[in-house]
N, C-alpha and C. Protein backbone atom coordinates (compact mmCIF):
# COMPACT_ATOMS: atom_id res chain seq x y z
N UNK A 1 -2.16 -1.98 -26.21
CA UNK A 1 -0.98 -0.96 -26.50
C UNK A 1 -1.32 -0.14 -27.74
N UNK A 2 -0.92 0.89 -27.97
CA UNK A 2 -1.46 1.97 -28.94
C UNK A 2 -0.28 1.88 -30.22
N UNK A 3 -1.00 2.04 -31.54
CA UNK A 3 -0.31 2.22 -32.47
C UNK A 3 0.31 3.36 -32.80
N UNK A 4 1.07 3.41 -33.77
CA UNK A 4 1.52 4.94 -34.30
C UNK A 4 0.45 5.87 -34.48
N UNK A 5 -0.49 5.37 -35.27
CA UNK A 5 -1.57 6.34 -35.67
C UNK A 5 -2.38 6.95 -34.09
N UNK A 6 -2.60 5.87 -33.38
CA UNK A 6 -3.13 6.32 -32.21
C UNK A 6 -2.59 7.42 -31.33
N UNK A 7 -1.17 7.16 -31.41
CA UNK A 7 -0.07 8.18 -30.63
C UNK A 7 -0.24 9.61 -31.40
N UNK A 8 -0.49 9.66 -32.69
CA UNK A 8 -0.57 10.75 -33.57
C UNK A 8 -1.80 11.33 -33.17
N UNK A 9 -2.73 10.80 -33.04
CA UNK A 9 -4.08 11.20 -32.70
C UNK A 9 -4.10 11.61 -31.32
N UNK A 10 -3.52 11.06 -30.33
CA UNK A 10 -3.37 11.59 -29.00
C UNK A 10 -2.79 12.84 -28.93
N UNK A 11 -1.49 13.07 -29.78
CA UNK A 11 -0.90 14.63 -29.86
C UNK A 11 -1.83 15.36 -30.10
N UNK A 12 -2.86 15.11 -31.35
CA UNK A 12 -3.70 16.12 -31.64
C UNK A 12 -4.62 16.56 -30.65
N UNK A 13 -5.16 15.55 -30.07
CA UNK A 13 -6.23 15.59 -29.11
C UNK A 13 -5.73 16.19 -27.80
N UNK A 14 -4.53 15.92 -27.51
CA UNK A 14 -3.87 16.71 -26.38
C UNK A 14 -3.82 18.12 -26.57
N UNK A 15 -3.35 18.58 -27.75
CA UNK A 15 -3.33 19.89 -28.14
C UNK A 15 -4.67 20.63 -28.11
N UNK A 16 -5.63 19.89 -28.46
CA UNK A 16 -6.83 20.47 -28.48
C UNK A 16 -7.39 20.71 -26.92
N UNK A 17 -7.29 19.62 -26.34
CA UNK A 17 -7.58 19.57 -24.87
C UNK A 17 -7.03 20.76 -23.95
N UNK A 18 -5.72 20.89 -24.55
CA UNK A 18 -5.11 22.06 -23.51
C UNK A 18 -5.58 23.11 -23.84
N UNK A 19 -6.02 23.33 -25.07
CA UNK A 19 -6.82 24.70 -25.36
C UNK A 19 -8.20 24.83 -24.93
N UNK A 20 -8.75 23.55 -24.38
CA UNK A 20 -9.91 23.91 -23.60
C UNK A 20 -10.93 22.91 -24.51
N UNK A 21 -10.70 22.23 -25.56
CA UNK A 21 -11.75 21.61 -26.18
C UNK A 21 -12.05 20.46 -25.17
N UNK A 22 -13.29 20.33 -24.80
CA UNK A 22 -13.65 19.40 -23.85
C UNK A 22 -14.11 18.11 -24.48
N UNK A 23 -14.50 18.09 -25.93
CA UNK A 23 -14.60 16.99 -26.52
C UNK A 23 -13.61 16.25 -26.60
N UNK A 24 -12.60 16.72 -27.10
CA UNK A 24 -11.35 16.19 -27.32
C UNK A 24 -10.78 15.68 -26.13
N UNK A 25 -10.67 16.25 -24.94
CA UNK A 25 -10.48 15.63 -23.69
C UNK A 25 -10.97 14.43 -23.37
N UNK A 26 -12.48 14.59 -23.47
CA UNK A 26 -13.32 13.29 -23.34
C UNK A 26 -12.81 12.21 -23.96
N UNK A 27 -12.58 12.42 -25.43
CA UNK A 27 -12.23 11.50 -26.36
C UNK A 27 -10.75 10.80 -25.86
N UNK A 28 -10.03 11.57 -25.70
CA UNK A 28 -8.70 11.30 -25.11
C UNK A 28 -8.71 10.24 -23.96
N UNK A 29 -9.52 10.67 -23.00
CA UNK A 29 -9.66 10.06 -21.63
C UNK A 29 -10.37 8.53 -21.87
N UNK A 30 -11.79 8.82 -22.81
CA UNK A 30 -12.24 7.49 -22.94
C UNK A 30 -11.24 6.48 -23.81
N UNK A 31 -10.59 6.88 -24.67
CA UNK A 31 -9.61 5.83 -25.45
C UNK A 31 -8.57 5.41 -24.23
N UNK A 32 -8.19 5.99 -23.13
CA UNK A 32 -7.37 5.35 -22.33
C UNK A 32 -7.78 4.57 -21.21
N UNK A 33 -9.42 4.92 -21.12
CA UNK A 33 -9.95 4.46 -19.79
C UNK A 33 -9.68 2.96 -19.71
N UNK A 34 -9.84 1.98 -20.53
CA UNK A 34 -9.83 0.50 -20.41
C UNK A 34 -8.41 0.15 -19.77
N UNK A 35 -7.50 0.79 -20.64
CA UNK A 35 -6.02 0.40 -20.31
C UNK A 35 -5.69 0.85 -18.71
N UNK A 36 -6.12 1.95 -18.49
CA UNK A 36 -6.02 2.50 -17.21
C UNK A 36 -6.81 1.51 -16.19
N UNK A 37 -7.71 1.21 -16.43
CA UNK A 37 -8.64 0.41 -15.38
C UNK A 37 -7.97 -0.99 -15.22
N UNK A 38 -7.46 -1.63 -16.42
CA UNK A 38 -6.86 -2.91 -16.27
C UNK A 38 -5.69 -2.74 -15.64
N UNK A 39 -5.01 -1.70 -15.51
CA UNK A 39 -3.54 -1.42 -14.92
C UNK A 39 -4.05 -1.42 -13.06
N UNK A 40 -5.03 -0.89 -13.02
CA UNK A 40 -5.66 -0.44 -11.57
C UNK A 40 -6.16 -1.73 -10.92
N UNK A 41 -6.86 -2.50 -11.74
CA UNK A 41 -7.17 -3.76 -11.37
C UNK A 41 -6.13 -4.65 -10.91
N UNK A 42 -4.86 -4.64 -11.66
CA UNK A 42 -3.82 -5.33 -11.27
C UNK A 42 -3.18 -4.89 -9.89
N UNK A 43 -2.96 -3.71 -9.80
CA UNK A 43 -2.55 -2.92 -8.82
C UNK A 43 -3.39 -3.17 -7.56
N UNK A 44 -4.84 -2.96 -7.56
CA UNK A 44 -5.45 -3.07 -6.19
C UNK A 44 -6.24 -4.46 -6.09
N UNK A 45 -6.29 -5.38 -7.12
CA UNK A 45 -6.77 -6.85 -6.90
C UNK A 45 -8.41 -6.50 -6.43
N UNK A 46 -9.08 -5.37 -6.84
CA UNK A 46 -10.15 -5.28 -6.17
C UNK A 46 -10.82 -4.23 -7.52
N UNK A 47 -12.16 -5.02 -8.10
CA UNK A 47 -12.83 -4.21 -9.11
C UNK A 47 -13.25 -2.82 -8.60
N UNK A 48 -13.99 -2.78 -7.56
CA UNK A 48 -14.49 -1.53 -7.11
C UNK A 48 -13.47 -0.34 -6.87
N UNK A 49 -12.42 -1.03 -5.99
CA UNK A 49 -11.25 0.02 -5.94
C UNK A 49 -10.47 0.60 -7.12
N UNK A 50 -10.51 -0.37 -8.07
CA UNK A 50 -9.84 0.09 -9.27
C UNK A 50 -10.57 0.92 -10.05
N UNK A 51 -12.18 0.78 -10.06
CA UNK A 51 -12.83 1.70 -10.71
C UNK A 51 -12.85 2.99 -10.02
N UNK A 52 -12.94 3.18 -8.74
CA UNK A 52 -12.93 4.45 -8.05
C UNK A 52 -11.69 5.22 -8.36
N UNK A 53 -10.47 4.48 -8.39
CA UNK A 53 -8.96 5.12 -8.61
C UNK A 53 -9.10 5.57 -9.93
N UNK A 54 -9.67 4.85 -11.02
CA UNK A 54 -9.85 5.13 -12.47
C UNK A 54 -10.44 6.60 -12.33
N UNK A 55 -11.66 6.46 -11.83
CA UNK A 55 -12.36 7.77 -11.76
C UNK A 55 -11.70 9.12 -11.31
N UNK A 56 -10.87 8.68 -10.33
CA UNK A 56 -10.32 9.71 -9.60
C UNK A 56 -9.06 10.22 -10.52
N UNK A 57 -8.50 9.25 -11.00
CA UNK A 57 -7.37 9.53 -12.10
C UNK A 57 -8.09 10.55 -13.46
N UNK A 58 -8.85 10.09 -13.65
CA UNK A 58 -9.53 10.91 -14.94
C UNK A 58 -9.86 12.35 -14.45
N UNK A 59 -10.20 12.32 -13.09
CA UNK A 59 -10.68 13.73 -12.79
C UNK A 59 -9.28 14.57 -12.55
N UNK A 60 -8.44 13.89 -11.85
CA UNK A 60 -7.12 14.66 -11.86
C UNK A 60 -6.47 15.03 -13.43
N UNK A 61 -6.62 14.17 -14.07
CA UNK A 61 -6.25 14.47 -15.63
C UNK A 61 -6.80 15.46 -16.04
N UNK A 62 -8.13 15.87 -15.94
CA UNK A 62 -8.71 16.69 -16.39
C UNK A 62 -8.49 18.02 -15.89
N UNK A 63 -8.04 18.00 -14.59
CA UNK A 63 -7.89 19.41 -13.90
C UNK A 63 -6.32 19.62 -14.35
N UNK A 64 -5.65 18.61 -14.52
CA UNK A 64 -4.20 18.69 -14.91
C UNK A 64 -3.61 18.80 -16.26
N UNK A 65 -4.58 18.79 -17.03
CA UNK A 65 -4.07 18.51 -18.55
C UNK A 65 -3.11 19.59 -19.18
N UNK A 66 -3.36 20.63 -18.52
CA UNK A 66 -2.33 21.82 -19.17
C UNK A 66 -1.00 21.61 -18.43
N UNK A 67 -0.55 20.85 -17.69
CA UNK A 67 0.64 20.31 -16.97
C UNK A 67 1.36 19.31 -18.13
N UNK A 68 0.59 18.66 -18.74
CA UNK A 68 0.91 17.47 -19.38
C UNK A 68 2.03 18.12 -20.43
N UNK A 69 3.37 17.73 -20.53
CA UNK A 69 4.55 17.98 -21.14
C UNK A 69 4.89 17.28 -22.57
N UNK A 70 4.23 16.26 -22.77
CA UNK A 70 4.46 15.43 -23.94
C UNK A 70 5.94 14.80 -23.92
N UNK A 71 6.35 14.66 -22.38
CA UNK A 71 7.80 13.97 -22.44
C UNK A 71 7.46 12.24 -22.64
N UNK A 72 6.29 11.81 -22.02
CA UNK A 72 6.09 10.49 -22.00
C UNK A 72 4.72 10.31 -22.66
N UNK A 73 4.46 9.10 -22.81
CA UNK A 73 3.18 8.79 -23.51
C UNK A 73 2.04 9.32 -22.74
N UNK A 74 0.96 9.64 -23.16
CA UNK A 74 -0.32 10.15 -22.34
C UNK A 74 -0.46 9.02 -21.54
N UNK A 75 -0.57 7.73 -22.02
CA UNK A 75 -0.86 6.57 -21.26
C UNK A 75 0.02 6.52 -19.70
N UNK A 76 1.20 6.72 -19.95
CA UNK A 76 2.21 6.47 -18.82
C UNK A 76 1.85 7.70 -17.77
N UNK A 77 1.56 9.00 -18.35
CA UNK A 77 1.16 10.04 -17.52
C UNK A 77 -0.02 9.48 -16.61
N UNK A 78 -1.00 9.04 -17.39
CA UNK A 78 -2.16 8.57 -16.58
C UNK A 78 -1.90 7.68 -15.47
N UNK A 79 -0.94 6.84 -15.76
CA UNK A 79 -0.51 5.82 -14.82
C UNK A 79 0.32 6.15 -13.82
N UNK A 80 1.03 7.44 -14.05
CA UNK A 80 2.02 8.00 -12.96
C UNK A 80 0.61 8.74 -12.03
N UNK A 81 0.00 9.47 -12.69
CA UNK A 81 -1.17 9.79 -11.66
C UNK A 81 -1.93 8.95 -10.80
N UNK A 82 -2.40 7.77 -11.59
CA UNK A 82 -3.06 6.52 -11.13
C UNK A 82 -2.28 6.04 -9.63
N UNK A 83 -1.03 5.83 -9.99
CA UNK A 83 -0.13 5.23 -9.12
C UNK A 83 0.08 6.09 -7.94
N UNK A 84 0.22 7.51 -8.20
CA UNK A 84 0.57 8.50 -6.92
C UNK A 84 -1.01 8.31 -5.96
N UNK A 85 -2.01 8.28 -6.75
CA UNK A 85 -3.38 8.36 -6.10
C UNK A 85 -3.53 7.01 -5.18
N UNK A 86 -3.13 5.76 -6.04
CA UNK A 86 -3.04 4.57 -5.15
C UNK A 86 -1.89 4.59 -3.92
N UNK A 87 -0.78 5.08 -4.10
CA UNK A 87 -0.07 5.26 -2.97
C UNK A 87 -0.55 6.17 -1.88
N UNK A 88 -1.15 7.43 -2.23
CA UNK A 88 -1.85 8.18 -1.14
C UNK A 88 -2.90 7.58 -0.56
N UNK A 89 -3.84 6.83 -1.34
CA UNK A 89 -4.89 5.97 -0.67
C UNK A 89 -4.35 5.02 0.37
N UNK A 90 -3.30 4.44 -0.01
CA UNK A 90 -2.73 3.47 1.17
C UNK A 90 -2.36 4.03 2.39
N UNK A 91 -1.56 5.23 2.07
CA UNK A 91 -1.23 5.93 3.33
C UNK A 91 -2.29 6.39 4.07
N UNK A 92 -3.24 6.85 3.53
CA UNK A 92 -4.83 7.21 4.42
C UNK A 92 -5.16 6.23 4.87
N UNK A 93 -5.44 4.87 4.42
CA UNK A 93 -5.92 3.91 5.01
C UNK A 93 -5.03 3.56 6.15
N UNK A 94 -3.75 3.47 5.89
CA UNK A 94 -2.69 3.17 7.22
C UNK A 94 -2.91 4.12 8.05
N UNK A 95 -3.01 5.30 7.80
CA UNK A 95 -3.43 6.44 9.04
C UNK A 95 -4.51 6.17 9.90
N UNK A 96 -5.69 5.75 8.87
CA UNK A 96 -6.98 5.55 9.63
C UNK A 96 -6.66 4.21 10.54
N UNK A 97 -6.14 3.50 9.90
CA UNK A 97 -6.29 1.99 10.76
C UNK A 97 -5.37 2.15 12.03
N UNK A 98 -4.29 3.16 12.04
CA UNK A 98 -3.57 3.25 13.15
C UNK A 98 -4.34 4.07 14.16
N UNK A 99 -5.05 5.06 13.84
CA UNK A 99 -5.93 5.87 14.45
C UNK A 99 -7.10 5.00 15.07
N UNK A 100 -7.59 4.12 14.46
CA UNK A 100 -8.39 3.13 14.83
C UNK A 100 -7.76 2.29 16.00
N UNK A 101 -6.60 1.80 15.95
CA UNK A 101 -5.93 0.98 16.66
C UNK A 101 -5.76 1.97 18.05
N UNK A 102 -5.41 3.06 17.99
CA UNK A 102 -5.12 4.05 19.13
C UNK A 102 -6.16 4.01 19.92
N UNK A 103 -7.46 4.32 19.29
CA UNK A 103 -8.72 4.50 19.64
C UNK A 103 -9.19 3.01 20.70
N UNK A 104 -9.09 1.97 20.02
CA UNK A 104 -9.27 0.59 20.68
C UNK A 104 -8.44 0.39 22.03
N UNK A 105 -7.13 0.78 21.59
CA UNK A 105 -6.21 0.60 22.96
C UNK A 105 -6.52 1.59 24.17
N UNK A 106 -7.00 2.89 23.69
CA UNK A 106 -7.34 3.72 24.80
C UNK A 106 -8.96 3.31 25.58
N UNK A 107 -9.74 2.63 24.57
CA UNK A 107 -11.01 2.18 25.14
C UNK A 107 -10.63 1.03 26.06
N UNK A 108 -9.61 -0.03 25.99
CA UNK A 108 -9.20 -1.06 26.55
C UNK A 108 -8.62 -0.48 27.66
N UNK A 109 -7.89 0.56 27.71
CA UNK A 109 -7.16 1.06 28.94
C UNK A 109 -8.08 1.70 29.88
N UNK A 110 -9.40 2.53 29.22
CA UNK A 110 -10.25 2.84 29.93
C UNK A 110 -10.89 1.79 31.00
N UNK A 111 -11.37 0.66 30.14
CA UNK A 111 -12.07 -0.32 30.83
C UNK A 111 -11.08 -0.98 32.07
N UNK A 112 -9.78 -1.04 31.62
CA UNK A 112 -8.88 -1.44 32.66
C UNK A 112 -8.80 -0.68 33.98
N UNK A 113 -8.89 0.68 33.79
CA UNK A 113 -9.01 1.70 34.69
C UNK A 113 -10.07 1.37 35.51
N UNK A 114 -11.27 1.37 34.80
CA UNK A 114 -12.56 1.25 35.83
C UNK A 114 -12.44 -0.04 36.48
N UNK A 115 -12.04 -1.13 35.80
CA UNK A 115 -12.01 -2.39 36.62
C UNK A 115 -11.07 -2.35 37.97
N UNK A 116 -10.06 -1.43 37.63
CA UNK A 116 -9.08 -1.46 38.74
C UNK A 116 -9.69 -0.61 40.09
N UNK A 117 -10.31 0.58 39.69
CA UNK A 117 -11.04 1.14 40.56
C UNK A 117 -12.25 0.48 41.31
N UNK A 118 -12.98 -0.22 40.50
CA UNK A 118 -13.87 -1.16 41.20
C UNK A 118 -13.17 -2.20 42.10
N UNK A 119 -12.36 -2.75 41.94
CA UNK A 119 -11.51 -3.76 42.72
C UNK A 119 -10.96 -3.09 44.01
N UNK A 120 -10.45 -1.90 43.87
CA UNK A 120 -9.98 -0.89 44.84
C UNK A 120 -11.03 -0.48 45.88
N UNK A 121 -12.54 -0.93 45.45
CA UNK A 121 -13.58 -0.65 46.32
C UNK A 121 -14.13 1.23 46.08
N UNK A 122 -13.39 1.61 44.73
CA UNK A 122 -13.63 3.09 44.54
C UNK A 122 -14.77 2.87 43.34
N UNK A 123 -15.27 4.40 42.96
CA UNK A 123 -15.85 4.26 42.00
C UNK A 123 -15.16 5.08 40.79
N UNK A 124 -15.57 4.92 39.65
CA UNK A 124 -14.94 5.36 38.52
C UNK A 124 -16.08 6.63 38.13
N UNK A 125 -15.42 7.70 38.37
CA UNK A 125 -16.66 8.96 38.34
C UNK A 125 -16.96 9.14 37.02
N UNK A 126 -18.37 9.46 36.76
CA UNK A 126 -18.94 9.65 35.27
C UNK A 126 -18.43 10.84 34.64
N UNK A 127 -17.57 11.68 35.50
CA UNK A 127 -16.93 12.93 34.70
C UNK A 127 -15.70 12.30 34.04
N UNK A 128 -15.19 11.13 34.56
CA UNK A 128 -14.05 10.70 33.96
C UNK A 128 -14.44 10.09 32.62
N UNK A 129 -15.61 9.47 32.35
CA UNK A 129 -16.04 9.02 31.09
C UNK A 129 -16.30 10.04 30.36
N UNK A 130 -16.79 11.23 30.76
CA UNK A 130 -17.03 12.40 29.98
C UNK A 130 -15.73 13.22 29.42
N UNK A 131 -14.81 13.24 30.22
CA UNK A 131 -13.37 13.81 29.99
C UNK A 131 -13.00 13.06 28.82
N UNK A 132 -12.99 11.53 29.11
CA UNK A 132 -12.53 10.55 28.04
C UNK A 132 -13.13 10.90 26.65
N UNK A 133 -14.29 11.50 26.79
CA UNK A 133 -14.92 11.55 25.40
C UNK A 133 -14.58 12.75 24.54
N UNK A 134 -13.87 13.69 25.36
CA UNK A 134 -13.16 14.84 24.44
C UNK A 134 -12.15 14.46 23.77
N UNK A 135 -11.89 15.50 22.57
CA UNK A 135 -10.78 15.24 21.84
C UNK A 135 -9.45 15.40 22.32
N UNK A 136 -8.60 14.97 22.15
CA UNK A 136 -7.05 15.03 22.90
C UNK A 136 -6.87 16.35 22.87
N UNK A 137 -6.98 17.25 22.10
CA UNK A 137 -6.49 18.66 21.99
C UNK A 137 -7.28 19.50 22.93
N UNK A 138 -8.44 18.92 23.49
CA UNK A 138 -9.23 19.84 24.33
C UNK A 138 -8.83 19.23 25.67
N UNK A 139 -8.94 17.65 26.03
CA UNK A 139 -8.86 16.94 27.03
C UNK A 139 -7.31 17.33 27.80
N UNK A 140 -6.42 17.60 26.83
CA UNK A 140 -5.08 17.70 27.44
C UNK A 140 -4.88 18.88 28.23
N UNK A 141 -5.37 20.05 27.53
CA UNK A 141 -5.21 21.42 28.42
C UNK A 141 -6.16 21.42 29.82
N UNK A 142 -7.33 20.81 29.73
CA UNK A 142 -8.29 20.52 30.79
C UNK A 142 -7.35 19.82 32.06
N UNK A 143 -6.89 18.73 31.75
CA UNK A 143 -6.14 17.86 32.64
C UNK A 143 -4.99 18.48 33.09
N UNK A 144 -4.18 19.25 32.48
CA UNK A 144 -3.10 20.12 32.81
C UNK A 144 -3.46 21.34 33.65
N UNK A 145 -4.69 22.11 33.47
CA UNK A 145 -5.03 23.09 34.42
C UNK A 145 -5.85 22.72 35.59
N UNK A 146 -6.67 21.74 35.36
CA UNK A 146 -7.73 21.43 36.56
C UNK A 146 -6.94 20.39 37.33
N UNK A 147 -6.51 19.43 36.96
CA UNK A 147 -6.02 18.21 37.68
C UNK A 147 -4.67 18.78 38.19
N UNK A 148 -3.72 19.23 37.54
CA UNK A 148 -2.35 19.69 37.84
C UNK A 148 -2.03 21.08 37.98
N UNK A 149 -2.84 21.90 37.92
CA UNK A 149 -2.73 23.31 38.27
C UNK A 149 -1.87 24.23 37.45
N UNK A 150 -1.54 23.88 36.41
CA UNK A 150 -0.45 24.75 35.57
C UNK A 150 -1.47 25.66 35.06
N UNK A 151 -0.79 26.82 34.85
CA UNK A 151 -1.47 28.22 34.27
C UNK A 151 -1.50 28.14 32.73
N UNK A 152 -2.44 28.75 32.13
CA UNK A 152 -2.48 28.78 30.80
C UNK A 152 -1.35 28.85 29.95
N UNK A 153 -0.54 29.85 30.54
CA UNK A 153 0.88 30.12 29.87
C UNK A 153 1.73 28.87 29.95
N UNK A 154 1.83 28.29 31.18
CA UNK A 154 2.68 27.10 31.11
C UNK A 154 2.20 26.05 30.34
N UNK A 155 0.69 25.92 30.09
CA UNK A 155 0.38 24.90 29.18
C UNK A 155 0.52 25.17 27.70
N UNK A 156 0.50 26.55 27.55
CA UNK A 156 1.05 26.92 26.09
C UNK A 156 2.43 26.59 25.66
N UNK A 157 3.01 26.88 26.79
CA UNK A 157 4.75 26.39 26.44
C UNK A 157 4.69 25.04 26.25
N UNK A 158 3.93 24.08 27.03
CA UNK A 158 4.24 22.59 27.06
C UNK A 158 3.64 22.03 25.79
N UNK A 159 2.31 22.62 25.27
CA UNK A 159 1.90 21.98 24.09
C UNK A 159 2.20 22.78 22.82
N UNK A 160 2.88 23.92 22.88
CA UNK A 160 3.43 24.47 21.66
C UNK A 160 2.07 25.40 20.95
N UNK A 161 1.19 25.66 21.96
CA UNK A 161 0.11 26.48 21.32
C UNK A 161 -0.19 27.83 22.21
N UNK A 162 -0.64 28.95 21.46
CA UNK A 162 -0.95 30.18 22.00
C UNK A 162 -1.78 30.09 23.14
N UNK A 163 -1.38 30.77 24.54
CA UNK A 163 -2.20 31.01 25.52
C UNK A 163 -3.62 30.91 25.32
N UNK A 164 -4.19 31.82 24.36
CA UNK A 164 -5.49 32.15 24.11
C UNK A 164 -5.94 30.95 23.55
N UNK A 165 -5.32 30.21 22.71
CA UNK A 165 -5.83 28.87 22.25
C UNK A 165 -5.94 28.08 23.26
N UNK A 166 -5.40 27.87 24.47
CA UNK A 166 -5.40 27.24 25.47
C UNK A 166 -6.65 27.32 26.29
N UNK A 167 -6.87 28.81 26.66
CA UNK A 167 -7.80 29.29 27.47
C UNK A 167 -9.32 28.77 26.74
N UNK A 168 -9.39 28.96 25.21
CA UNK A 168 -10.67 28.61 24.54
C UNK A 168 -10.86 27.22 24.59
N UNK A 169 -9.78 26.42 24.71
CA UNK A 169 -10.02 24.98 24.62
C UNK A 169 -10.53 24.43 25.76
N UNK A 170 -9.74 25.04 26.85
CA UNK A 170 -10.33 24.72 28.42
C UNK A 170 -11.68 25.09 28.56
N UNK A 171 -12.15 26.26 28.01
CA UNK A 171 -13.42 26.77 28.32
C UNK A 171 -14.42 26.08 27.67
N UNK A 172 -14.15 25.71 26.20
CA UNK A 172 -15.11 24.92 25.54
C UNK A 172 -15.12 23.37 25.95
N UNK A 173 -13.95 22.97 26.53
CA UNK A 173 -13.98 21.47 27.01
C UNK A 173 -14.85 21.37 28.32
N UNK A 174 -14.54 22.49 29.26
CA UNK A 174 -15.46 22.61 30.70
C UNK A 174 -16.85 22.75 30.34
N UNK A 175 -17.09 23.51 29.16
CA UNK A 175 -18.53 23.84 28.77
C UNK A 175 -19.09 22.20 28.43
N UNK A 176 -18.47 21.71 27.40
CA UNK A 176 -18.73 20.26 26.88
C UNK A 176 -19.05 19.30 28.07
N UNK A 177 -18.16 19.44 29.11
CA UNK A 177 -18.44 18.46 30.38
C UNK A 177 -19.48 18.59 30.98
N UNK A 178 -19.90 19.95 31.36
CA UNK A 178 -20.95 20.38 32.03
C UNK A 178 -22.21 19.90 31.27
N UNK A 179 -22.42 20.06 29.94
CA UNK A 179 -23.51 19.84 29.13
C UNK A 179 -23.60 18.39 29.27
N UNK A 180 -22.63 17.52 29.05
CA UNK A 180 -22.71 16.23 29.11
C UNK A 180 -23.11 15.51 30.28
N UNK A 181 -22.53 16.11 31.29
CA UNK A 181 -22.78 15.76 32.86
C UNK A 181 -24.39 15.96 33.15
N UNK A 182 -24.69 17.06 32.53
CA UNK A 182 -26.01 17.48 33.14
C UNK A 182 -27.14 16.67 32.07
N UNK A 183 -26.61 16.23 31.18
CA UNK A 183 -27.49 15.49 30.18
C UNK A 183 -27.59 13.76 30.86
N UNK A 184 -26.59 13.42 31.45
CA UNK A 184 -26.73 12.34 32.16
C UNK A 184 -27.14 12.36 33.73
N UNK A 185 -27.72 13.39 34.04
CA UNK A 185 -28.50 13.57 35.36
C UNK A 185 -27.35 14.03 36.40
N UNK A 186 -26.22 14.22 35.96
CA UNK A 186 -25.35 14.79 37.07
C UNK A 186 -25.21 16.29 37.25
N UNK A 187 -25.04 16.92 38.29
CA UNK A 187 -24.88 18.26 38.38
C UNK A 187 -23.48 18.81 38.78
């Protein structure tokens, strides 16, 4: 914890830092780094993650020092920045995990479809593997256009994208498919 003398010093350093004094800002951040790191260590329970977040917090504080209003202690302001960064990192990690899970399920579904085709005595066309490799926003208009016969305008309405964008994605996707199939020895 800070004593009254350090809080007064913080006020002076903050004023100097807001006016662009880099040495004052560096001193201020250095003074609070250990406190911040210990807080983040308790939050993350991971020394490497705590170090990364502490550094990100310091960078954000450097960018935003002009916005500090002296309404709370400087250490509390740093903790607020750190907490928000921690929460954002958690959200990003959950989104990435969810995306990876969707990818895993899609791959399982494709294996299941291949197995069903083989059991029914059919073939799994190489073109479907190439189609599966396309990004969703490219594969979707191709399937709607070439498998189901919808017009570019109808597809545009269905997916909420301009018709020109749909045409572009279909063209790009077909070019990618041709390239992929040519590389695999197919024509």
